[in-house]
Amino acid sequence: MAERSDGPFWRVKSLEAMSPAEWESLCDGCGRCCLLKLEDDDTGEIHHTDVGCTLLDTHTCRCRDYRNRAKRVPDCVRLTPEAVRTIPWLPPTCAYRLVREGRDLPAWHPLKTGRRASVHEAGISVRGRVAGNEEEFAEEELVERIVAWPDEAA
């Protein structure tokens, strides 16, 4: 994406050109990326579940220990511009994905509304849709928790 100077930063900067504060503010706080995912061994297809990471606060839809998440959850994925280009399971509403695709943020995004609650009010977040955190389920139960809604745009 060519750098421009007219418009909000997410429309004029590439993911690589963003400051750390701009990068972090792109996250809408939906919590969809913090749902456990299962990969089909035969097809490689990724399936979302309605089970949250052990650190997912299911009310705020944010990480309970963001700063130390990689230490506490070793398979936690750290989003980087490279990761955003290669991760196939980012939700269709994900701002990182939208910017990568050259698209604008939706009207409900907190950067547009100025309010963190707008992601919940729009029904995009995982609030009220998570069955529980991962420690509440046995591994063999996760296949029963596969859901389609995290892959839906709205």
N, C-alpha and C. Protein backbone atom coordinates (compact mmCIF):
# COMPACT_ATOMS: atom_id res chain seq x y z
N MET A 1 0.84 -1.17 0.00
CA MET A 1 0.00 0.00 0.00
C MET A 1 0.89 1.24 0.00
N ALA A 2 0.65 2.15 -0.93
CA ALA A 2 1.43 3.39 -0.99
C ALA A 2 1.05 4.29 0.18
N GLU A 3 2.02 4.99 0.72
CA GLU A 3 1.76 5.91 1.84
C GLU A 3 1.13 7.18 1.29
N ARG A 4 0.05 7.62 1.94
CA ARG A 4 -0.62 8.87 1.60
C ARG A 4 -0.69 9.71 2.87
N SER A 5 -1.07 10.96 2.73
CA SER A 5 -1.15 11.81 3.92
C SER A 5 -2.56 12.30 4.21
N ASP A 6 -3.53 11.93 3.40
CA ASP A 6 -4.90 12.39 3.62
C ASP A 6 -5.77 11.25 4.16
N GLY A 7 -6.28 11.44 5.35
CA GLY A 7 -7.17 10.45 5.94
C GLY A 7 -6.63 9.90 7.24
N PRO A 8 -7.42 9.05 7.88
CA PRO A 8 -6.98 8.45 9.14
C PRO A 8 -5.81 7.49 8.92
N PHE A 9 -5.03 7.28 9.96
CA PHE A 9 -3.79 6.49 9.80
C PHE A 9 -4.02 5.13 9.19
N TRP A 10 -5.13 4.46 9.51
CA TRP A 10 -5.35 3.10 8.99
C TRP A 10 -5.66 3.11 7.49
N ARG A 11 -5.98 4.28 6.93
CA ARG A 11 -6.22 4.38 5.49
C ARG A 11 -4.99 4.86 4.73
N VAL A 12 -4.04 5.48 5.45
CA VAL A 12 -2.90 6.08 4.76
C VAL A 12 -1.57 5.39 5.04
N LYS A 13 -1.52 4.55 6.07
CA LYS A 13 -0.27 3.87 6.41
C LYS A 13 -0.39 2.37 6.16
N SER A 14 0.72 1.78 5.80
CA SER A 14 0.77 0.32 5.73
C SER A 14 0.86 -0.21 7.16
N LEU A 15 0.59 -1.46 7.34
CA LEU A 15 0.71 -2.07 8.67
C LEU A 15 2.13 -1.88 9.21
N GLU A 16 3.12 -2.01 8.34
CA GLU A 16 4.52 -1.88 8.77
C GLU A 16 4.88 -0.46 9.20
N ALA A 17 4.20 0.53 8.67
CA ALA A 17 4.53 1.93 8.96
C ALA A 17 3.85 2.46 10.23
N MET A 18 2.97 1.69 10.80
CA MET A 18 2.23 2.16 11.98
C MET A 18 3.12 2.19 13.22
N SER A 19 2.86 3.17 14.07
CA SER A 19 3.54 3.24 15.37
C SER A 19 2.97 2.13 16.25
N PRO A 20 3.66 1.77 17.32
CA PRO A 20 3.10 0.77 18.24
C PRO A 20 1.72 1.16 18.77
N ALA A 21 1.50 2.43 19.08
CA ALA A 21 0.19 2.87 19.58
C ALA A 21 -0.88 2.73 18.50
N GLU A 22 -0.55 3.08 17.27
CA GLU A 22 -1.52 2.93 16.18
C GLU A 22 -1.84 1.45 15.97
N TRP A 23 -0.80 0.62 15.97
CA TRP A 23 -0.98 -0.82 15.79
C TRP A 23 -1.94 -1.39 16.85
N GLU A 24 -1.68 -1.09 18.09
CA GLU A 24 -2.52 -1.61 19.17
C GLU A 24 -3.95 -1.08 19.08
N SER A 25 -4.11 0.16 18.65
CA SER A 25 -5.47 0.73 18.58
C SER A 25 -6.30 0.11 17.47
N LEU A 26 -5.68 -0.56 16.52
CA LEU A 26 -6.45 -1.24 15.47
C LEU A 26 -7.29 -2.37 16.04
N CYS A 27 -6.85 -2.99 17.12
CA CYS A 27 -7.62 -4.09 17.70
C CYS A 27 -8.94 -3.54 18.22
N ASP A 28 -10.04 -4.10 17.73
CA ASP A 28 -11.35 -3.61 18.15
C ASP A 28 -11.81 -4.20 19.47
N GLY A 29 -11.08 -5.20 19.98
CA GLY A 29 -11.46 -5.81 21.26
C GLY A 29 -12.62 -6.78 21.15
N CYS A 30 -12.79 -7.40 19.98
CA CYS A 30 -13.90 -8.34 19.81
C CYS A 30 -13.67 -9.66 20.53
N GLY A 31 -12.41 -10.06 20.67
CA GLY A 31 -12.08 -11.32 21.34
C GLY A 31 -12.16 -12.55 20.45
N ARG A 32 -12.56 -12.40 19.20
CA ARG A 32 -12.70 -13.56 18.32
C ARG A 32 -11.38 -14.30 18.12
N CYS A 33 -10.28 -13.57 18.06
CA CYS A 33 -9.00 -14.24 17.85
C CYS A 33 -8.56 -15.02 19.09
N CYS A 34 -9.21 -14.77 20.22
CA CYS A 34 -8.86 -15.45 21.48
C CYS A 34 -9.72 -16.69 21.72
N LEU A 35 -10.51 -17.07 20.74
CA LEU A 35 -11.26 -18.33 20.83
C LEU A 35 -10.35 -19.47 20.38
N LEU A 36 -10.50 -20.62 21.02
CA LEU A 36 -9.70 -21.77 20.60
C LEU A 36 -10.12 -22.21 19.21
N LYS A 37 -9.14 -22.64 18.45
CA LYS A 37 -9.35 -23.10 17.10
C LYS A 37 -8.85 -24.53 16.97
N LEU A 38 -9.52 -25.30 16.16
CA LEU A 38 -9.12 -26.68 15.90
C LEU A 38 -8.77 -26.79 14.42
N GLU A 39 -7.69 -27.50 14.14
CA GLU A 39 -7.31 -27.71 12.75
C GLU A 39 -7.57 -29.16 12.37
N ASP A 40 -8.27 -29.33 11.25
CA ASP A 40 -8.54 -30.66 10.74
C ASP A 40 -7.23 -31.24 10.22
N ASP A 41 -6.81 -32.38 10.77
CA ASP A 41 -5.54 -33.00 10.39
C ASP A 41 -5.50 -33.40 8.92
N ASP A 42 -6.66 -33.75 8.36
CA ASP A 42 -6.69 -34.21 6.98
C ASP A 42 -6.74 -33.07 5.97
N THR A 43 -7.53 -32.04 6.26
CA THR A 43 -7.75 -30.97 5.29
C THR A 43 -7.00 -29.68 5.61
N GLY A 44 -6.56 -29.51 6.86
CA GLY A 44 -5.92 -28.27 7.28
C GLY A 44 -6.91 -27.16 7.57
N GLU A 45 -8.19 -27.46 7.42
CA GLU A 45 -9.23 -26.46 7.66
C GLU A 45 -9.25 -26.07 9.14
N ILE A 46 -9.43 -24.77 9.40
CA ILE A 46 -9.48 -24.25 10.76
C ILE A 46 -10.94 -24.09 11.18
N HIS A 47 -11.25 -24.56 12.37
CA HIS A 47 -12.60 -24.44 12.92
C HIS A 47 -12.53 -23.68 14.24
N HIS A 48 -13.33 -22.63 14.35
CA HIS A 48 -13.41 -21.88 15.61
C HIS A 48 -14.32 -22.62 16.58
N THR A 49 -14.04 -22.45 17.86
CA THR A 49 -14.93 -22.96 18.90
C THR A 49 -15.49 -21.77 19.66
N ASP A 50 -16.43 -22.04 20.55
CA ASP A 50 -16.94 -20.98 21.43
C ASP A 50 -16.29 -21.07 22.81
N VAL A 51 -15.06 -21.56 22.81
CA VAL A 51 -14.27 -21.70 24.03
C VAL A 51 -13.13 -20.69 23.99
N GLY A 52 -13.02 -19.91 25.06
CA GLY A 52 -12.01 -18.87 25.11
C GLY A 52 -10.69 -19.36 25.68
N CYS A 53 -9.65 -18.65 25.33
CA CYS A 53 -8.34 -18.85 25.92
C CYS A 53 -8.46 -18.67 27.43
N THR A 54 -7.58 -19.29 28.16
CA THR A 54 -7.60 -19.20 29.62
C THR A 54 -7.51 -17.75 30.12
N LEU A 55 -6.91 -16.85 29.32
CA LEU A 55 -6.76 -15.45 29.74
C LEU A 55 -7.84 -14.53 29.20
N LEU A 56 -8.77 -15.04 28.42
CA LEU A 56 -9.82 -14.20 27.87
C LEU A 56 -10.84 -13.82 28.94
N ASP A 57 -11.00 -12.54 29.15
CA ASP A 57 -12.08 -12.03 30.01
C ASP A 57 -13.32 -11.98 29.13
N THR A 58 -14.28 -12.83 29.41
CA THR A 58 -15.43 -12.98 28.52
C THR A 58 -16.42 -11.82 28.61
N HIS A 59 -16.24 -10.91 29.56
CA HIS A 59 -17.09 -9.73 29.62
C HIS A 59 -16.46 -8.56 28.86
N THR A 60 -15.20 -8.28 29.12
CA THR A 60 -14.53 -7.18 28.42
C THR A 60 -14.05 -7.60 27.04
N CYS A 61 -13.91 -8.91 26.83
CA CYS A 61 -13.40 -9.49 25.58
C CYS A 61 -11.95 -9.10 25.34
N ARG A 62 -11.24 -8.89 26.41
CA ARG A 62 -9.82 -8.53 26.36
C ARG A 62 -9.02 -9.55 27.16
N CYS A 63 -7.72 -9.56 26.93
CA CYS A 63 -6.82 -10.45 27.65
C CYS A 63 -6.65 -9.96 29.09
N ARG A 64 -6.71 -10.88 30.02
CA ARG A 64 -6.54 -10.53 31.44
C ARG A 64 -5.10 -10.23 31.81
N ASP A 65 -4.16 -10.65 30.97
CA ASP A 65 -2.74 -10.40 31.26
C ASP A 65 -2.00 -10.19 29.93
N TYR A 66 -2.40 -9.16 29.20
CA TYR A 66 -1.88 -8.92 27.86
C TYR A 66 -0.36 -8.84 27.85
N ARG A 67 0.20 -8.13 28.78
CA ARG A 67 1.66 -7.94 28.82
C ARG A 67 2.41 -9.27 28.94
N ASN A 68 1.89 -10.21 29.71
CA ASN A 68 2.59 -11.48 29.97
C ASN A 68 1.94 -12.67 29.27
N ARG A 69 1.09 -12.42 28.29
CA ARG A 69 0.31 -13.51 27.68
C ARG A 69 1.19 -14.58 27.06
N ALA A 70 2.29 -14.20 26.42
CA ALA A 70 3.14 -15.20 25.76
C ALA A 70 3.81 -16.12 26.76
N LYS A 71 4.12 -15.62 27.94
CA LYS A 71 4.71 -16.45 28.98
C LYS A 71 3.68 -17.40 29.57
N ARG A 72 2.47 -16.90 29.74
CA ARG A 72 1.42 -17.69 30.38
C ARG A 72 0.70 -18.63 29.42
N VAL A 73 0.66 -18.26 28.15
CA VAL A 73 0.01 -19.08 27.12
C VAL A 73 1.00 -19.18 25.96
N PRO A 74 1.87 -20.19 26.00
CA PRO A 74 2.96 -20.29 25.02
C PRO A 74 2.51 -20.31 23.56
N ASP A 75 1.30 -20.79 23.26
CA ASP A 75 0.86 -20.82 21.86
C ASP A 75 0.03 -19.59 21.48
N CYS A 76 0.04 -18.57 22.32
CA CYS A 76 -0.63 -17.31 21.99
C CYS A 76 0.06 -16.70 20.77
N VAL A 77 -0.71 -16.31 19.79
CA VAL A 77 -0.16 -15.76 18.56
C VAL A 77 -0.01 -14.25 18.71
N ARG A 78 1.19 -13.77 18.47
CA ARG A 78 1.45 -12.33 18.49
C ARG A 78 1.26 -11.81 17.08
N LEU A 79 0.32 -10.90 16.91
CA LEU A 79 0.08 -10.35 15.59
C LEU A 79 1.17 -9.36 15.21
N THR A 80 1.69 -9.56 14.04
CA THR A 80 2.68 -8.69 13.41
C THR A 80 2.20 -8.49 11.98
N PRO A 81 2.76 -7.52 11.26
CA PRO A 81 2.36 -7.40 9.85
C PRO A 81 2.55 -8.71 9.07
N GLU A 82 3.65 -9.40 9.32
CA GLU A 82 3.88 -10.69 8.64
C GLU A 82 2.83 -11.71 9.03
N ALA A 83 2.52 -11.79 10.31
CA ALA A 83 1.51 -12.75 10.77
C ALA A 83 0.14 -12.43 10.16
N VAL A 84 -0.20 -11.17 10.08
CA VAL A 84 -1.48 -10.76 9.51
C VAL A 84 -1.58 -11.19 8.05
N ARG A 85 -0.46 -11.21 7.34
CA ARG A 85 -0.45 -11.64 5.94
C ARG A 85 -0.59 -13.15 5.80
N THR A 86 -0.24 -13.90 6.83
CA THR A 86 -0.18 -15.36 6.67
C THR A 86 -1.21 -16.14 7.49
N ILE A 87 -1.77 -15.55 8.53
CA ILE A 87 -2.73 -16.27 9.36
C ILE A 87 -4.08 -16.37 8.62
N PRO A 88 -4.55 -17.59 8.38
CA PRO A 88 -5.79 -17.74 7.62
C PRO A 88 -7.07 -17.57 8.43
N TRP A 89 -6.97 -17.54 9.76
CA TRP A 89 -8.19 -17.56 10.58
C TRP A 89 -8.58 -16.22 11.18
N LEU A 90 -7.94 -15.13 10.77
CA LEU A 90 -8.37 -13.84 11.30
C LEU A 90 -9.82 -13.59 10.89
N PRO A 91 -10.65 -13.13 11.81
CA PRO A 91 -12.07 -12.91 11.49
C PRO A 91 -12.25 -11.90 10.36
N PRO A 92 -13.33 -12.00 9.61
CA PRO A 92 -13.55 -11.07 8.50
C PRO A 92 -13.74 -9.63 8.97
N THR A 93 -14.04 -9.44 10.24
CA THR A 93 -14.22 -8.10 10.81
C THR A 93 -12.93 -7.54 11.37
N CYS A 94 -11.86 -8.31 11.40
CA CYS A 94 -10.60 -7.91 12.03
C CYS A 94 -9.99 -6.72 11.30
N ALA A 95 -9.71 -5.66 12.04
CA ALA A 95 -9.14 -4.44 11.45
C ALA A 95 -7.79 -4.70 10.79
N TYR A 96 -6.98 -5.56 11.38
CA TYR A 96 -5.68 -5.87 10.77
C TYR A 96 -5.88 -6.49 9.39
N ARG A 97 -6.83 -7.40 9.32
CA ARG A 97 -7.14 -8.04 8.04
C ARG A 97 -7.71 -7.02 7.05
N LEU A 98 -8.63 -6.19 7.50
CA LEU A 98 -9.25 -5.20 6.62
C LEU A 98 -8.20 -4.24 6.06
N VAL A 99 -7.30 -3.75 6.91
CA VAL A 99 -6.25 -2.84 6.46
C VAL A 99 -5.34 -3.56 5.47
N ARG A 100 -4.98 -4.80 5.78
CA ARG A 100 -4.14 -5.59 4.86
C ARG A 100 -4.80 -5.70 3.48
N GLU A 101 -6.13 -5.83 3.48
CA GLU A 101 -6.87 -5.98 2.23
C GLU A 101 -7.19 -4.64 1.57
N GLY A 102 -6.73 -3.52 2.18
CA GLY A 102 -6.98 -2.21 1.61
C GLY A 102 -8.38 -1.69 1.83
N ARG A 103 -9.07 -2.24 2.81
CA ARG A 103 -10.46 -1.84 3.09
C ARG A 103 -10.52 -0.94 4.31
N ASP A 104 -11.61 -0.19 4.43
CA ASP A 104 -11.80 0.71 5.56
C ASP A 104 -12.34 -0.06 6.76
N LEU A 105 -12.26 0.56 7.91
CA LEU A 105 -12.82 -0.03 9.12
C LEU A 105 -14.34 0.15 9.10
N PRO A 106 -15.07 -0.78 9.71
CA PRO A 106 -16.53 -0.65 9.75
C PRO A 106 -16.95 0.50 10.67
N ALA A 107 -18.17 0.98 10.48
CA ALA A 107 -18.69 2.12 11.24
C ALA A 107 -18.69 1.89 12.74
N TRP A 108 -18.80 0.63 13.18
CA TRP A 108 -18.87 0.32 14.62
C TRP A 108 -17.49 0.25 15.27
N HIS A 109 -16.41 0.31 14.51
CA HIS A 109 -15.07 0.15 15.09
C HIS A 109 -14.80 1.27 16.10
N PRO A 110 -14.20 0.94 17.25
CA PRO A 110 -13.91 1.97 18.26
C PRO A 110 -13.08 3.16 17.76
N LEU A 111 -12.23 2.97 16.76
CA LEU A 111 -11.48 4.11 16.21
C LEU A 111 -12.40 5.08 15.48
N LYS A 112 -13.53 4.60 15.00
CA LYS A 112 -14.48 5.48 14.33
C LYS A 112 -15.51 6.06 15.29
N THR A 113 -15.90 5.28 16.29
CA THR A 113 -16.93 5.75 17.22
C THR A 113 -16.35 6.51 18.40
N GLY A 114 -15.08 6.23 18.71
CA GLY A 114 -14.47 6.82 19.89
C GLY A 114 -14.87 6.14 21.18
N ARG A 115 -15.51 4.96 21.05
CA ARG A 115 -15.98 4.24 22.23
C ARG A 115 -15.68 2.75 22.12
N ARG A 116 -15.04 2.19 23.15
CA ARG A 116 -14.74 0.75 23.15
C ARG A 116 -16.00 -0.11 23.12
N ALA A 117 -17.08 0.40 23.69
CA ALA A 117 -18.32 -0.38 23.79
C ALA A 117 -18.99 -0.63 22.44
N SER A 118 -18.63 0.14 21.42
CA SER A 118 -19.32 0.01 20.13
C SER A 118 -19.17 -1.38 19.52
N VAL A 119 -18.07 -2.06 19.77
CA VAL A 119 -17.88 -3.41 19.24
C VAL A 119 -18.87 -4.38 19.88
N HIS A 120 -19.21 -4.16 21.14
CA HIS A 120 -20.19 -5.01 21.82
C HIS A 120 -21.61 -4.66 21.37
N GLU A 121 -21.87 -3.36 21.28
CA GLU A 121 -23.20 -2.90 20.87
C GLU A 121 -23.55 -3.37 19.47
N ALA A 122 -22.56 -3.49 18.61
CA ALA A 122 -22.78 -3.94 17.23
C ALA A 122 -22.94 -5.46 17.13
N GLY A 123 -22.72 -6.17 18.24
CA GLY A 123 -22.86 -7.63 18.22
C GLY A 123 -21.68 -8.35 17.59
N ILE A 124 -20.55 -7.68 17.50
CA ILE A 124 -19.37 -8.26 16.86
C ILE A 124 -18.52 -9.05 17.86
N SER A 125 -18.51 -8.62 19.11
CA SER A 125 -17.63 -9.24 20.10
C SER A 125 -18.15 -10.61 20.54
N VAL A 126 -17.31 -11.29 21.30
CA VAL A 126 -17.66 -12.62 21.81
C VAL A 126 -18.49 -12.54 23.10
N ARG A 127 -18.74 -11.33 23.59
CA ARG A 127 -19.50 -11.16 24.84
C ARG A 127 -20.84 -11.89 24.74
N GLY A 128 -21.08 -12.73 25.74
CA GLY A 128 -22.33 -13.49 25.80
C GLY A 128 -22.38 -14.69 24.87
N ARG A 129 -21.30 -15.00 24.18
CA ARG A 129 -21.30 -16.10 23.22
C ARG A 129 -20.26 -17.17 23.54
N VAL A 130 -19.49 -16.97 24.58
CA VAL A 130 -18.43 -17.92 24.94
C VAL A 130 -18.98 -18.92 25.97
N ALA A 131 -18.80 -20.19 25.68
CA ALA A 131 -19.29 -21.24 26.58
C ALA A 131 -18.48 -21.32 27.87
N GLY A 132 -17.25 -20.88 27.80
CA GLY A 132 -16.36 -20.91 28.96
C GLY A 132 -14.92 -20.83 28.49
N ASN A 133 -14.02 -20.79 29.44
CA ASN A 133 -12.60 -20.77 29.11
C ASN A 133 -12.08 -22.20 29.00
N GLU A 134 -10.93 -22.34 28.38
CA GLU A 134 -10.41 -23.66 28.01
C GLU A 134 -10.23 -24.62 29.17
N GLU A 135 -9.95 -24.11 30.36
CA GLU A 135 -9.75 -25.01 31.49
C GLU A 135 -11.07 -25.67 31.95
N GLU A 136 -12.18 -25.20 31.43
CA GLU A 136 -13.49 -25.75 31.78
C GLU A 136 -13.89 -26.92 30.90
N PHE A 137 -13.09 -27.24 29.89
CA PHE A 137 -13.44 -28.29 28.94
C PHE A 137 -12.29 -29.27 28.76
N ALA A 138 -12.64 -30.53 28.62
CA ALA A 138 -11.64 -31.55 28.28
C ALA A 138 -11.33 -31.40 26.79
N GLU A 139 -10.12 -31.74 26.41
CA GLU A 139 -9.72 -31.59 25.01
C GLU A 139 -10.68 -32.29 24.05
N GLU A 140 -11.15 -33.48 24.44
CA GLU A 140 -12.06 -34.23 23.56
C GLU A 140 -13.44 -33.58 23.43
N GLU A 141 -13.77 -32.65 24.31
CA GLU A 141 -15.06 -31.93 24.22
C GLU A 141 -15.02 -30.78 23.22
N LEU A 142 -13.83 -30.33 22.86
CA LEU A 142 -13.72 -29.14 22.02
C LEU A 142 -14.37 -29.30 20.66
N VAL A 143 -14.32 -30.50 20.08
CA VAL A 143 -14.92 -30.70 18.77
C VAL A 143 -16.44 -30.45 18.84
N GLU A 144 -17.03 -30.67 19.99
CA GLU A 144 -18.47 -30.41 20.16
C GLU A 144 -18.76 -28.92 20.30
N ARG A 145 -17.73 -28.12 20.43
CA ARG A 145 -17.88 -26.67 20.66
C ARG A 145 -17.60 -25.86 19.39
N ILE A 146 -17.46 -26.52 18.24
CA ILE A 146 -17.22 -25.82 16.98
C ILE A 146 -18.45 -24.98 16.62
N VAL A 147 -18.18 -23.72 16.25
CA VAL A 147 -19.24 -22.79 15.88
C VAL A 147 -18.84 -22.04 14.60
N ALA A 148 -19.82 -21.51 13.89
CA ALA A 148 -19.55 -20.79 12.63
C ALA A 148 -19.46 -19.28 12.81
N TRP A 149 -20.10 -18.74 13.83
CA TRP A 149 -20.23 -17.28 13.92
C TRP A 149 -18.92 -16.48 13.95
N PRO A 150 -17.79 -16.99 14.45
CA PRO A 150 -16.59 -16.16 14.39
C PRO A 150 -16.12 -15.85 12.97
N ASP A 151 -16.54 -16.64 12.01
CA ASP A 151 -16.16 -16.41 10.61
C ASP A 151 -17.16 -15.54 9.86
N GLU A 152 -18.20 -15.09 10.56
CA GLU A 152 -19.21 -14.25 9.93
C GLU A 152 -18.85 -12.78 10.07
N ALA A 153 -19.18 -11.99 9.07
CA ALA A 153 -18.82 -10.58 9.08
C ALA A 153 -19.66 -9.79 10.08
N ALA A 154 -20.87 -10.10 10.25
CA ALA A 154 -21.72 -9.37 11.22
C ALA A 154 -22.99 -10.12 11.51
